[in-house]
Amino acid sequence: MKRKLKSLPEDTVEDLAREAMVTLYRLSRRETLVNPDALATTLVPPAQSAGKEAGVDMLELFRFVVLEHFRQHDAPCHELAIEFFTELSWSAIARRQQLRHSTVIKRWSACMEQVRELAYAQRGPVWEWARQARIV
């Protein structure tokens, strides 16, 4: 059964669902799922992050660091990251760049590989948070 969210375009919802499924698949390849109930609980009411308690928007800080890295080192990834972080749908990005949907997702995946490598090589609160939150 297909449902629609009133506040988001249908293609955005599909992109978000696809991103969630890819993330879950990658996580399942790294670790065995021990407690599916805990996973469901985490997905539905996520716990308050330590960054929020301190009054710091760690996700916004992480976005800034990623954008700054791409600005300095990879212009195509920077352009794609700007569009991604403004929460455009992959379909809209593909149309705007006149590319296939799958091509845009493959390019973003390659960009995120750079971020993953940075997260494991760099130190500091943003990268520690990213590792713990499994953003990368």
Protein backbone atom coordinates (compact mmCIF):
# COMPACT_ATOMS: atom_id res chain seq x y z
CA MET A 1 0.00 0.00 0.00
CA LYS A 2 1.42 3.35 -1.03
CA ARG A 3 0.76 6.35 1.20
CA LYS A 4 1.49 10.03 0.72
CA LEU A 5 2.80 12.60 3.17
CA LYS A 6 0.94 15.85 2.72
CA SER A 7 3.98 17.99 3.44
CA LEU A 8 6.40 16.36 0.98
CA PRO A 9 6.32 15.61 -2.73
CA GLU A 10 5.97 11.92 -3.57
CA ASP A 11 9.42 11.66 -5.17
CA THR A 12 11.02 13.12 -2.01
CA VAL A 13 9.34 10.48 0.13
CA GLU A 14 10.58 7.77 -2.23
CA ASP A 15 14.12 9.18 -2.10
CA LEU A 16 14.05 9.29 1.70
CA ALA A 17 12.78 5.72 1.88
CA ARG A 18 15.47 4.60 -0.57
CA GLU A 19 18.18 6.35 1.48
CA ALA A 20 16.91 4.69 4.66
CA MET A 21 16.89 1.26 3.02
CA VAL A 22 20.42 1.70 1.64
CA THR A 23 21.64 2.82 5.06
CA LEU A 24 20.00 -0.14 6.78
CA TYR A 25 21.45 -2.52 4.18
CA ARG A 26 24.96 -1.14 4.69
CA LEU A 27 24.62 -1.36 8.46
CA SER A 28 23.38 -4.94 8.19
CA ARG A 29 26.50 -5.81 6.18
CA ARG A 30 28.73 -4.44 8.96
CA GLU A 31 26.97 -5.88 11.99
CA THR A 32 24.49 -8.62 12.76
CA LEU A 33 21.08 -7.36 13.81
CA VAL A 34 20.72 -8.60 17.36
CA ASN A 35 17.57 -6.83 18.49
CA PRO A 36 15.04 -5.83 15.79
CA ASP A 37 12.75 -4.28 18.42
CA ALA A 38 15.52 -1.91 19.52
CA LEU A 39 16.11 -0.96 15.88
CA ALA A 40 12.41 -0.19 15.39
CA THR A 41 12.34 1.85 18.60
CA THR A 42 15.41 3.79 17.51
CA LEU A 43 13.92 4.51 14.08
CA VAL A 44 10.55 5.66 15.38
CA PRO A 45 11.38 7.77 18.51
CA PRO A 46 15.12 8.57 18.17
CA ALA A 47 16.95 9.33 21.39
CA GLN A 48 17.99 12.89 22.19
CA SER A 49 21.57 13.38 21.11
CA ALA A 50 24.24 14.71 23.43
CA GLY A 51 24.77 17.61 21.03
CA LYS A 52 21.16 18.75 21.43
CA GLU A 53 21.46 18.78 25.23
CA ALA A 54 24.45 21.09 24.96
CA GLY A 55 22.49 23.44 22.71
CA VAL A 56 24.62 22.62 19.65
CA ASP A 57 23.02 21.51 16.41
CA MET A 58 25.56 18.80 15.61
CA LEU A 59 23.86 17.85 12.35
CA GLU A 60 24.13 21.44 11.13
CA LEU A 61 27.78 21.52 12.23
CA PHE A 62 28.40 18.24 10.39
CA ARG A 63 26.77 19.65 7.25
CA PHE A 64 29.00 22.72 7.49
CA VAL A 65 32.16 20.60 7.79
CA VAL A 66 31.15 18.40 4.85
CA LEU A 67 30.27 21.39 2.65
CA GLU A 68 33.51 23.14 3.55
CA HIS A 69 35.55 20.03 2.73
CA PHE A 70 33.86 19.67 -0.65
CA ARG A 71 34.20 23.41 -1.33
CA GLN A 72 37.96 23.12 -0.89
CA HIS A 73 38.55 19.72 -2.48
CA ASP A 74 35.75 18.60 -4.80
CA ALA A 75 33.55 21.14 -6.62
CA PRO A 76 31.13 18.58 -8.17
CA CYS A 77 30.50 17.00 -4.75
CA HIS A 78 30.09 20.47 -3.25
CA GLU A 79 27.36 21.31 -5.77
CA LEU A 80 25.61 18.00 -5.15
CA ALA A 81 25.92 18.38 -1.36
CA ILE A 82 24.38 21.85 -1.45
CA GLU A 83 21.39 20.48 -3.32
CA PHE A 84 21.16 17.43 -1.06
CA PHE A 85 21.34 19.47 2.14
CA THR A 86 18.61 21.82 0.94
CA GLU A 87 16.51 18.65 1.02
CA LEU A 88 15.73 18.48 -2.65
CA SER A 89 14.68 15.11 -3.94
CA TRP A 90 17.14 13.03 -5.94
CA SER A 91 14.63 13.09 -8.78
CA ALA A 92 14.54 16.90 -8.76
CA ILE A 93 18.32 17.07 -8.66
CA ALA A 94 18.56 14.61 -11.57
CA ARG A 95 16.10 16.66 -13.61
CA ARG A 96 17.92 19.91 -12.85
CA GLN A 97 21.31 18.42 -13.77
CA GLN A 98 19.82 16.56 -16.75
CA LEU A 99 21.11 13.22 -15.47
CA ARG A 100 19.55 9.88 -14.71
CA HIS A 101 18.30 9.37 -11.18
CA SER A 102 20.65 6.43 -10.63
CA THR A 103 23.63 8.48 -11.85
CA VAL A 104 22.98 11.19 -9.27
CA ILE A 105 22.71 8.61 -6.48
CA LYS A 106 25.95 6.90 -7.59
CA ARG A 107 27.74 10.25 -7.61
CA TRP A 108 26.44 11.09 -4.14
CA SER A 109 27.54 7.67 -2.90
CA ALA A 110 31.07 8.35 -4.19
CA CYS A 111 31.05 11.76 -2.47
CA MET A 112 29.91 10.20 0.79
CA GLU A 113 32.77 7.70 0.57
CA GLN A 114 35.14 10.68 0.91
CA VAL A 115 33.23 11.77 4.00
CA ARG A 116 33.43 8.28 5.49
CA GLU A 117 37.19 8.24 4.95
CA LEU A 118 37.46 11.65 6.61
CA ALA A 119 35.35 10.54 9.55
CA TYR A 120 37.68 7.66 10.29
CA ALA A 121 40.85 9.73 9.77
CA GLN A 122 39.90 13.00 11.51
CA ARG A 123 39.56 13.78 15.19
CA GLY A 124 37.33 16.24 16.97
CA PRO A 125 33.78 16.45 18.29
CA VAL A 126 32.03 16.58 14.92
CA TRP A 127 33.78 13.50 13.57
CA GLU A 128 33.41 11.62 16.88
CA TRP A 129 29.69 12.40 16.81
CA ALA A 130 29.43 11.28 13.18
CA ARG A 131 31.09 7.96 14.00
CA GLN A 132 28.85 7.38 17.03
CA ALA A 133 25.68 8.43 15.22
CA ARG A 134 26.72 6.35 12.20
CA ILE A 135 26.00 9.27 9.93
CA VAL A 136 28.95 8.11 7.87
